[in-house]
Structures are given as C-alpha cells and as structure tokens.
C-alpha cells in the first residue's frame, strides 16, 4: 500500500503540462480509500467531472477565494 508521501509524489510528477489551467489542486486532504486486507478488496471508485460554471449553486463561486478550500493547492 503506497504511503501518502508516495501518492503526493506521483501527483506532482503527473501534473507536468498543466500550465493552461489556473489551478491544479492535487489530492484532496480528506481523500480516503479503503485500506483493504491481505486478500485484497474490491471497491468502485466513482469520479464525476462537471462544468463548474454551469453547476455552481452559489453566484460568483469561482471569483470568491476567501473561504474555499480545494485540497493541496500548488501541486
């Protein structure tokens, strides 16, 4: 099982070429995966990518940076 340091190193290595994006936030600080056991563990990892501008429930969400936290910013 990789350590959190190994996961962050892989995230940093995989972030090359993301200069066109304003922010590459990396692995969220509360991102948890099941640890499993010696026989393994099957689970489904579901990821949803949406249009943040169209789906925002708060007006001006992308302009407000006073309280939002997106994980490990700067990865």
PDB file of N, CA and C in Angstrom:
ATOM      1  N   UNK A   1       0.849  -1.176   0.000  1.00  0.00           N
ATOM      2  CA  UNK A   1       0.000   0.000   0.000  1.00  0.00           C
ATOM      3  C   UNK A   1       0.894   1.238   0.000  1.00  0.00           C
ATOM      4  N   UNK A   2       0.760   2.110  -1.002  1.00  0.00           N
ATOM      5  CA  UNK A   2       1.619   3.296  -1.043  1.00  0.00           C
ATOM      6  C   UNK A   2       1.305   4.264   0.095  1.00  0.00           C
ATOM      7  N   UNK A   3       2.333   4.928   0.557  1.00  0.00           N
ATOM      8  CA  UNK A   3       2.148   5.924   1.612  1.00  0.00           C
ATOM      9  C   UNK A   3       1.573   7.201   1.015  1.00  0.00           C
ATOM     10  N   UNK A   4       1.119   8.095   1.863  1.00  0.00           N
ATOM     11  CA  UNK A   4       0.602   9.376   1.394  1.00  0.00           C
ATOM     12  C   UNK A   4       1.702  10.174   0.706  1.00  0.00           C
ATOM     13  N   UNK A   5       2.945  10.025   1.171  1.00  0.00           N
ATOM     14  CA  UNK A   5       4.068  10.712   0.521  1.00  0.00           C
ATOM     15  C   UNK A   5       4.263  10.204  -0.902  1.00  0.00           C
ATOM     16  N   UNK A   6       4.122   8.886  -1.086  1.00  0.00           N
ATOM     17  CA  UNK A   6       4.248   8.312  -2.423  1.00  0.00           C
ATOM     18  C   UNK A   6       3.132   8.815  -3.329  1.00  0.00           C
ATOM     19  N   UNK A   7       1.910   8.879  -2.810  1.00  0.00           N
ATOM     20  CA  UNK A   7       0.795   9.385  -3.599  1.00  0.00           C
ATOM     21  C   UNK A   7       1.018  10.835  -4.010  1.00  0.00           C
ATOM     22  N   UNK A   8       1.467  11.669  -3.077  1.00  0.00           N
ATOM     23  CA  UNK A   8       1.730  13.067  -3.411  1.00  0.00           C
ATOM     24  C   UNK A   8       2.858  13.188  -4.435  1.00  0.00           C
ATOM     25  N   UNK A   9       3.886  12.354  -4.326  1.00  0.00           N
ATOM     26  CA  UNK A   9       4.984  12.381  -5.298  1.00  0.00           C
ATOM     27  C   UNK A   9       4.466  12.026  -6.693  1.00  0.00           C
ATOM     28  N   UNK A  10       3.594  11.033  -6.776  1.00  0.00           N
ATOM     29  CA  UNK A  10       3.020  10.652  -8.068  1.00  0.00           C
ATOM     30  C   UNK A  10       2.130  11.755  -8.628  1.00  0.00           C
ATOM     31  N   UNK A  11       1.392  12.429  -7.757  1.00  0.00           N
ATOM     32  CA  UNK A  11       0.549  13.537  -8.203  1.00  0.00           C
ATOM     33  C   UNK A  11       1.415  14.656  -8.764  1.00  0.00           C
ATOM     34  N   UNK A  12       2.476  14.996  -8.059  1.00  0.00           N
ATOM     35  CA  UNK A  12       3.369  16.056  -8.518  1.00  0.00           C
ATOM     36  C   UNK A  12       4.009  15.691  -9.850  1.00  0.00           C
ATOM     37  N   UNK A  13       4.428  14.439 -10.007  1.00  0.00           N
ATOM     38  CA  UNK A  13       5.055  14.001 -11.253  1.00  0.00           C
ATOM     39  C   UNK A  13       4.056  14.014 -12.407  1.00  0.00           C
ATOM     40  N   UNK A  14       2.796  13.734 -12.127  1.00  0.00           N
ATOM     41  CA  UNK A  14       1.784  13.687 -13.168  1.00  0.00           C
ATOM     42  C   UNK A  14       1.229  15.039 -13.544  1.00  0.00           C
ATOM     43  N   UNK A  15       1.553  16.080 -12.818  1.00  0.00           N
ATOM     44  CA  UNK A  15       0.997  17.402 -13.064  1.00  0.00           C
ATOM     45  C   UNK A  15       1.724  18.205 -14.121  1.00  0.00           C
ATOM     46  N   UNK A  16       2.780  17.656 -14.701  1.00  0.00           N
ATOM     47  CA  UNK A  16       3.529  18.389 -15.726  1.00  0.00           C
ATOM     48  C   UNK A  16       2.623  18.659 -16.922  1.00  0.00           C
ATOM     49  N   UNK A  17       2.727  19.847 -17.479  1.00  0.00           N
ATOM     50  CA  UNK A  17       1.940  20.188 -18.649  1.00  0.00           C
ATOM     51  C   UNK A  17       0.571  20.756 -18.332  1.00  0.00           C
ATOM     52  N   UNK A  18       0.307  21.080 -17.085  1.00  0.00           N
ATOM     53  CA  UNK A  18      -0.990  21.642 -16.728  1.00  0.00           C
ATOM     54  C   UNK A  18      -0.955  23.165 -16.674  1.00  0.00           C
ATOM     55  N   UNK A  19      -0.019  23.775 -17.390  1.00  0.00           N
ATOM     56  CA  UNK A  19       0.133  25.231 -17.323  1.00  0.00           C
ATOM     57  C   UNK A  19      -1.066  25.980 -17.888  1.00  0.00           C
ATOM     58  N   UNK A  20      -1.881  25.326 -18.717  1.00  0.00           N
ATOM     59  CA  UNK A  20      -3.045  26.006 -19.278  1.00  0.00           C
ATOM     60  C   UNK A  20      -4.169  26.183 -18.256  1.00  0.00           C
ATOM     61  N   UNK A  21      -4.078  25.488 -17.124  1.00  0.00           N
ATOM     62  CA  UNK A  21      -5.119  25.565 -16.109  1.00  0.00           C
ATOM     63  C   UNK A  21      -4.729  26.546 -15.008  1.00  0.00           C
ATOM     64  N   UNK A  22      -5.736  27.186 -14.408  1.00  0.00           N
ATOM     65  CA  UNK A  22      -5.473  28.164 -13.354  1.00  0.00           C
ATOM     66  C   UNK A  22      -5.002  27.497 -12.075  1.00  0.00           C
ATOM     67  N   UNK A  23      -5.482  26.290 -11.793  1.00  0.00           N
ATOM     68  CA  UNK A  23      -5.137  25.625 -10.548  1.00  0.00           C
ATOM     69  C   UNK A  23      -5.165  24.118 -10.740  1.00  0.00           C
ATOM     70  N   UNK A  24      -4.115  23.465 -10.323  1.00  0.00           N
ATOM     71  CA  UNK A  24      -4.091  22.000 -10.279  1.00  0.00           C
ATOM     72  C   UNK A  24      -4.068  21.635  -8.804  1.00  0.00           C
ATOM     73  N   UNK A  25      -5.216  21.304  -8.250  1.00  0.00           N
ATOM     74  CA  UNK A  25      -5.331  21.218  -6.803  1.00  0.00           C
ATOM     75  C   UNK A  25      -4.814  19.932  -6.192  1.00  0.00           C
ATOM     76  N   UNK A  26      -4.572  18.921  -6.975  1.00  0.00           N
ATOM     77  CA  UNK A  26      -3.980  17.707  -6.423  1.00  0.00           C
ATOM     78  C   UNK A  26      -4.952  16.854  -5.632  1.00  0.00           C
ATOM     79  N   UNK A  27      -4.419  16.106  -4.709  1.00  0.00           N
ATOM     80  CA  UNK A  27      -5.188  15.163  -3.913  1.00  0.00           C
ATOM     81  C   UNK A  27      -5.858  15.895  -2.751  1.00  0.00           C
ATOM     82  N   UNK A  28      -7.192  15.825  -2.638  1.00  0.00           N
ATOM     83  CA  UNK A  28      -7.857  16.489  -1.513  1.00  0.00           C
ATOM     84  C   UNK A  28      -7.341  15.979  -0.170  1.00  0.00           C
ATOM     85  N   UNK A  29      -7.265  16.850   0.813  1.00  0.00           N
ATOM     86  CA  UNK A  29      -6.681  16.455   2.098  1.00  0.00           C
ATOM     87  C   UNK A  29      -7.555  15.472   2.872  1.00  0.00           C
ATOM     88  N   UNK A  30      -8.797  15.249   2.453  1.00  0.00           N
ATOM     89  CA  UNK A  30      -9.661  14.269   3.126  1.00  0.00           C
ATOM     90  C   UNK A  30      -9.973  13.084   2.224  1.00  0.00           C
ATOM     91  N   UNK A  31      -9.187  12.905   1.172  1.00  0.00           N
ATOM     92  CA  UNK A  31      -9.402  11.821   0.223  1.00  0.00           C
ATOM     93  C   UNK A  31      -9.006  10.497   0.869  1.00  0.00           C
ATOM     94  N   UNK A  32      -9.985   9.628   1.092  1.00  0.00           N
ATOM     95  CA  UNK A  32      -9.730   8.351   1.763  1.00  0.00           C
ATOM     96  C   UNK A  32     -10.082   7.192   0.842  1.00  0.00           C
ATOM     97  N   UNK A  33      -9.238   6.185   0.843  1.00  0.00           N
ATOM     98  CA  UNK A  33      -9.513   4.943   0.136  1.00  0.00           C
ATOM     99  C   UNK A  33      -9.496   3.808   1.143  1.00  0.00           C
ATOM    100  N   UNK A  34     -10.301   2.777   0.915  1.00  0.00           N
ATOM    101  CA  UNK A  34     -10.256   1.633   1.826  1.00  0.00           C
ATOM    102  C   UNK A  34      -8.865   1.008   1.838  1.00  0.00           C
ATOM    103  N   UNK A  35      -8.388   0.636   2.989  1.00  0.00           N
ATOM    104  CA  UNK A  35      -7.052   0.053   3.114  1.00  0.00           C
ATOM    105  C   UNK A  35      -7.017  -1.385   2.621  1.00  0.00           C
ATOM    106  N   UNK A  36      -8.101  -2.108   2.766  1.00  0.00           N
ATOM    107  CA  UNK A  36      -8.135  -3.481   2.290  1.00  0.00           C
ATOM    108  C   UNK A  36      -7.556  -4.458   3.283  1.00  0.00           C
ATOM    109  N   UNK A  37      -7.219  -5.635   2.779  1.00  0.00           N
ATOM    110  CA  UNK A  37      -6.637  -6.676   3.617  1.00  0.00           C
ATOM    111  C   UNK A  37      -5.677  -7.511   2.782  1.00  0.00           C
ATOM    112  N   UNK A  38      -5.131  -8.578   3.341  1.00  0.00           N
ATOM    113  CA  UNK A  38      -4.118  -9.356   2.623  1.00  0.00           C
ATOM    114  C   UNK A  38      -4.685 -10.111   1.423  1.00  0.00           C
ATOM    115  N   UNK A  39      -6.000 -10.262   1.337  1.00  0.00           N
ATOM    116  CA  UNK A  39      -6.621 -10.924   0.189  1.00  0.00           C
ATOM    117  C   UNK A  39      -7.109  -9.919  -0.851  1.00  0.00           C
ATOM    118  N   UNK A  40      -6.911  -8.647  -0.582  1.00  0.00           N
ATOM    119  CA  UNK A  40      -7.373  -7.615  -1.493  1.00  0.00           C
ATOM    120  C   UNK A  40      -8.766  -7.132  -1.120  1.00  0.00           C
ATOM    121  N   UNK A  41      -9.207  -6.119  -1.802  1.00  0.00           N
ATOM    122  CA  UNK A  41     -10.519  -5.550  -1.526  1.00  0.00           C
ATOM    123  C   UNK A  41     -11.040  -4.920  -2.802  1.00  0.00           C
ATOM    124  N   UNK A  42     -12.193  -5.388  -3.249  1.00  0.00           N
ATOM    125  CA  UNK A  42     -12.806  -4.794  -4.430  1.00  0.00           C
ATOM    126  C   UNK A  42     -13.705  -3.639  -4.005  1.00  0.00           C
ATOM    127  N   UNK A  43     -13.601  -2.546  -4.727  1.00  0.00           N
ATOM    128  CA  UNK A  43     -14.495  -1.419  -4.499  1.00  0.00           C
ATOM    129  C   UNK A  43     -14.582  -0.619  -5.778  1.00  0.00           C
ATOM    130  N   UNK A  44     -15.592   0.205  -5.880  1.00  0.00           N
ATOM    131  CA  UNK A  44     -15.772   1.077  -7.033  1.00  0.00           C
ATOM    132  C   UNK A  44     -15.343   2.479  -6.656  1.00  0.00           C
ATOM    133  N   UNK A  45     -14.523   3.071  -7.487  1.00  0.00           N
ATOM    134  CA  UNK A  45     -14.133   4.466  -7.321  1.00  0.00           C
ATOM    135  C   UNK A  45     -14.846   5.244  -8.420  1.00  0.00           C
ATOM    136  N   UNK A  46     -15.723   6.142  -8.025  1.00  0.00           N
ATOM    137  CA  UNK A  46     -16.522   6.901  -8.971  1.00  0.00           C
ATOM    138  C   UNK A  46     -16.061   8.350  -8.945  1.00  0.00           C
ATOM    139  N   UNK A  47     -15.789   8.888 -10.109  1.00  0.00           N
ATOM    140  CA  UNK A  47     -15.351  10.278 -10.237  1.00  0.00           C
ATOM    141  C   UNK A  47     -16.322  10.992 -11.166  1.00  0.00           C
ATOM    142  N   UNK A  48     -16.762  12.165 -10.769  1.00  0.00           N
ATOM    143  CA  UNK A  48     -17.651  12.969 -11.603  1.00  0.00           C
ATOM    144  C   UNK A  48     -16.956  14.277 -11.945  1.00  0.00           C
ATOM    145  N   UNK A  49     -16.936  14.600 -13.218  1.00  0.00           N
ATOM    146  CA  UNK A  49     -16.373  15.872 -13.682  1.00  0.00           C
ATOM    147  C   UNK A  49     -17.521  16.650 -14.305  1.00  0.00           C
ATOM    148  N   UNK A  50     -17.765  17.845 -13.797  1.00  0.00           N
ATOM    149  CA  UNK A  50     -18.881  18.646 -14.285  1.00  0.00           C
ATOM    150  C   UNK A  50     -18.396  20.031 -14.685  1.00  0.00           C
ATOM    151  N   UNK A  51     -19.276  20.775 -15.290  1.00  0.00           N
ATOM    152  CA  UNK A  51     -18.998  22.163 -15.657  1.00  0.00           C
ATOM    153  C   UNK A  51     -19.282  23.027 -14.431  1.00  0.00           C
ATOM    154  N   UNK A  52     -18.248  23.477 -13.758  1.00  0.00           N
ATOM    155  CA  UNK A  52     -18.406  24.237 -12.523  1.00  0.00           C
ATOM    156  C   UNK A  52     -19.177  25.528 -12.703  1.00  0.00           C
ATOM    157  N   UNK A  53     -18.977  26.203 -13.840  1.00  0.00           N
ATOM    158  CA  UNK A  53     -19.708  27.451 -14.072  1.00  0.00           C
ATOM    159  C   UNK A  53     -21.205  27.195 -14.205  1.00  0.00           C
ATOM    160  N   UNK A  54     -21.564  26.142 -14.909  1.00  0.00           N
ATOM    161  CA  UNK A  54     -22.977  25.839 -15.128  1.00  0.00           C
ATOM    162  C   UNK A  54     -23.632  25.231 -13.889  1.00  0.00           C
ATOM    163  N   UNK A  55     -22.871  24.495 -13.099  1.00  0.00           N
ATOM    164  CA  UNK A  55     -23.434  23.761 -11.964  1.00  0.00           C
ATOM    165  C   UNK A  55     -23.307  24.474 -10.623  1.00  0.00           C
ATOM    166  N   UNK A  56     -22.655  25.613 -10.579  1.00  0.00           N
ATOM    167  CA  UNK A  56     -22.425  26.305  -9.306  1.00  0.00           C
ATOM    168  C   UNK A  56     -23.753  26.700  -8.661  1.00  0.00           C
ATOM    169  N   UNK A  57     -23.906  26.363  -7.389  1.00  0.00           N
ATOM    170  CA  UNK A  57     -25.120  26.709  -6.655  1.00  0.00           C
ATOM    171  C   UNK A  57     -25.009  28.081  -5.999  1.00  0.00           C
ATOM    172  N   UNK A  58     -23.807  28.650  -5.989  1.00  0.00           N
ATOM    173  CA  UNK A  58     -23.560  29.939  -5.359  1.00  0.00           C
ATOM    174  C   UNK A  58     -23.105  30.918  -6.439  1.00  0.00           C
ATOM    175  N   UNK A  59     -23.793  32.046  -6.604  1.00  0.00           N
ATOM    176  CA  UNK A  59     -23.367  33.027  -7.605  1.00  0.00           C
ATOM    177  C   UNK A  59     -21.941  33.513  -7.327  1.00  0.00           C
ATOM    178  N   UNK A  60     -21.123  33.610  -8.374  1.00  0.00           N
ATOM    179  CA  UNK A  60     -19.759  34.106  -8.224  1.00  0.00           C
ATOM    180  C   UNK A  60     -18.836  33.149  -7.494  1.00  0.00           C
ATOM    181  N   UNK A  61     -19.168  31.872  -7.475  1.00  0.00           N
ATOM    182  CA  UNK A  61     -18.380  30.888  -6.719  1.00  0.00           C
ATOM    183  C   UNK A  61     -16.908  30.888  -7.126  1.00  0.00           C
ATOM    184  N   UNK A  62     -16.634  31.017  -8.410  1.00  0.00           N
ATOM    185  CA  UNK A  62     -15.249  30.943  -8.887  1.00  0.00           C
ATOM    186  C   UNK A  62     -14.462  32.228  -8.628  1.00  0.00           C
ATOM    187  N   UNK A  63     -15.152  33.301  -8.324  1.00  0.00           N
ATOM    188  CA  UNK A  63     -14.457  34.547  -8.008  1.00  0.00           C
ATOM    189  C   UNK A  63     -14.177  34.688  -6.516  1.00  0.00           C
ATOM    190  N   UNK A  64     -14.907  33.965  -5.686  1.00  0.00           N
ATOM    191  CA  UNK A  64     -14.749  34.067  -4.238  1.00  0.00           C
ATOM    192  C   UNK A  64     -13.647  33.121  -3.776  1.00  0.00           C
ATOM    193  N   UNK A  65     -12.573  33.667  -3.220  1.00  0.00           N
ATOM    194  CA  UNK A  65     -11.461  32.827  -2.748  1.00  0.00           C
ATOM    195  C   UNK A  65     -11.211  33.008  -1.257  1.00  0.00           C
ATOM    196  N   UNK A  66     -12.138  33.622  -0.536  1.00  0.00           N
ATOM    197  CA  UNK A  66     -11.906  33.908   0.878  1.00  0.00           C
ATOM    198  C   UNK A  66     -12.097  32.700   1.781  1.00  0.00           C
ATOM    199  N   UNK A  67     -12.904  31.731   1.398  1.00  0.00           N
ATOM    200  CA  UNK A  67     -13.172  30.618   2.307  1.00  0.00           C
ATOM    201  C   UNK A  67     -13.089  29.243   1.643  1.00  0.00           C
ATOM    202  N   UNK A  68     -12.966  29.175   0.335  1.00  0.00           N
ATOM    203  CA  UNK A  68     -12.952  27.878  -0.341  1.00  0.00           C
ATOM    204  C   UNK A  68     -11.632  27.159  -0.118  1.00  0.00           C
ATOM    205  N   UNK A  69     -11.723  25.856   0.083  1.00  0.00           N
ATOM    206  CA  UNK A  69     -10.516  25.032   0.206  1.00  0.00           C
ATOM    207  C   UNK A  69     -10.647  23.864  -0.755  1.00  0.00           C
ATOM    208  N   UNK A  70      -9.673  23.695  -1.606  1.00  0.00           N
ATOM    209  CA  UNK A  70      -9.753  22.669  -2.644  1.00  0.00           C
ATOM    210  C   UNK A  70      -8.761  21.541  -2.430  1.00  0.00           C
ATOM    211  N   UNK A  71      -8.111  21.440  -1.319  1.00  0.00           N
ATOM    212  CA  UNK A  71      -7.124  20.378  -1.107  1.00  0.00           C
ATOM    213  C   UNK A  71      -5.718  20.940  -1.103  1.00  0.00           C
ATOM    214  N   UNK A  72      -4.796  20.207  -1.632  1.00  0.00           N
ATOM    215  CA  UNK A  72      -3.385  20.603  -1.633  1.00  0.00           C
ATOM    216  C   UNK A  72      -3.103  21.467  -2.850  1.00  0.00           C
ATOM    217  N   UNK A  73      -3.307  22.764  -2.742  1.00  0.00           N
ATOM    218  CA  UNK A  73      -3.108  23.679  -3.856  1.00  0.00           C
ATOM    219  C   UNK A  73      -1.630  23.833  -4.182  1.00  0.00           C
ATOM    220  N   UNK A  74      -1.336  23.989  -5.455  1.00  0.00           N
ATOM    221  CA  UNK A  74       0.039  24.216  -5.878  1.00  0.00           C
ATOM    222  C   UNK A  74       0.781  22.954  -6.256  1.00  0.00           C
ATOM    223  N   UNK A  75       0.076  21.849  -6.322  1.00  0.00           N
ATOM    224  CA  UNK A  75       0.727  20.581  -6.685  1.00  0.00           C
ATOM    225  C   UNK A  75       1.134  20.644  -8.125  1.00  0.00           C
TER     226      UNK A  75
END
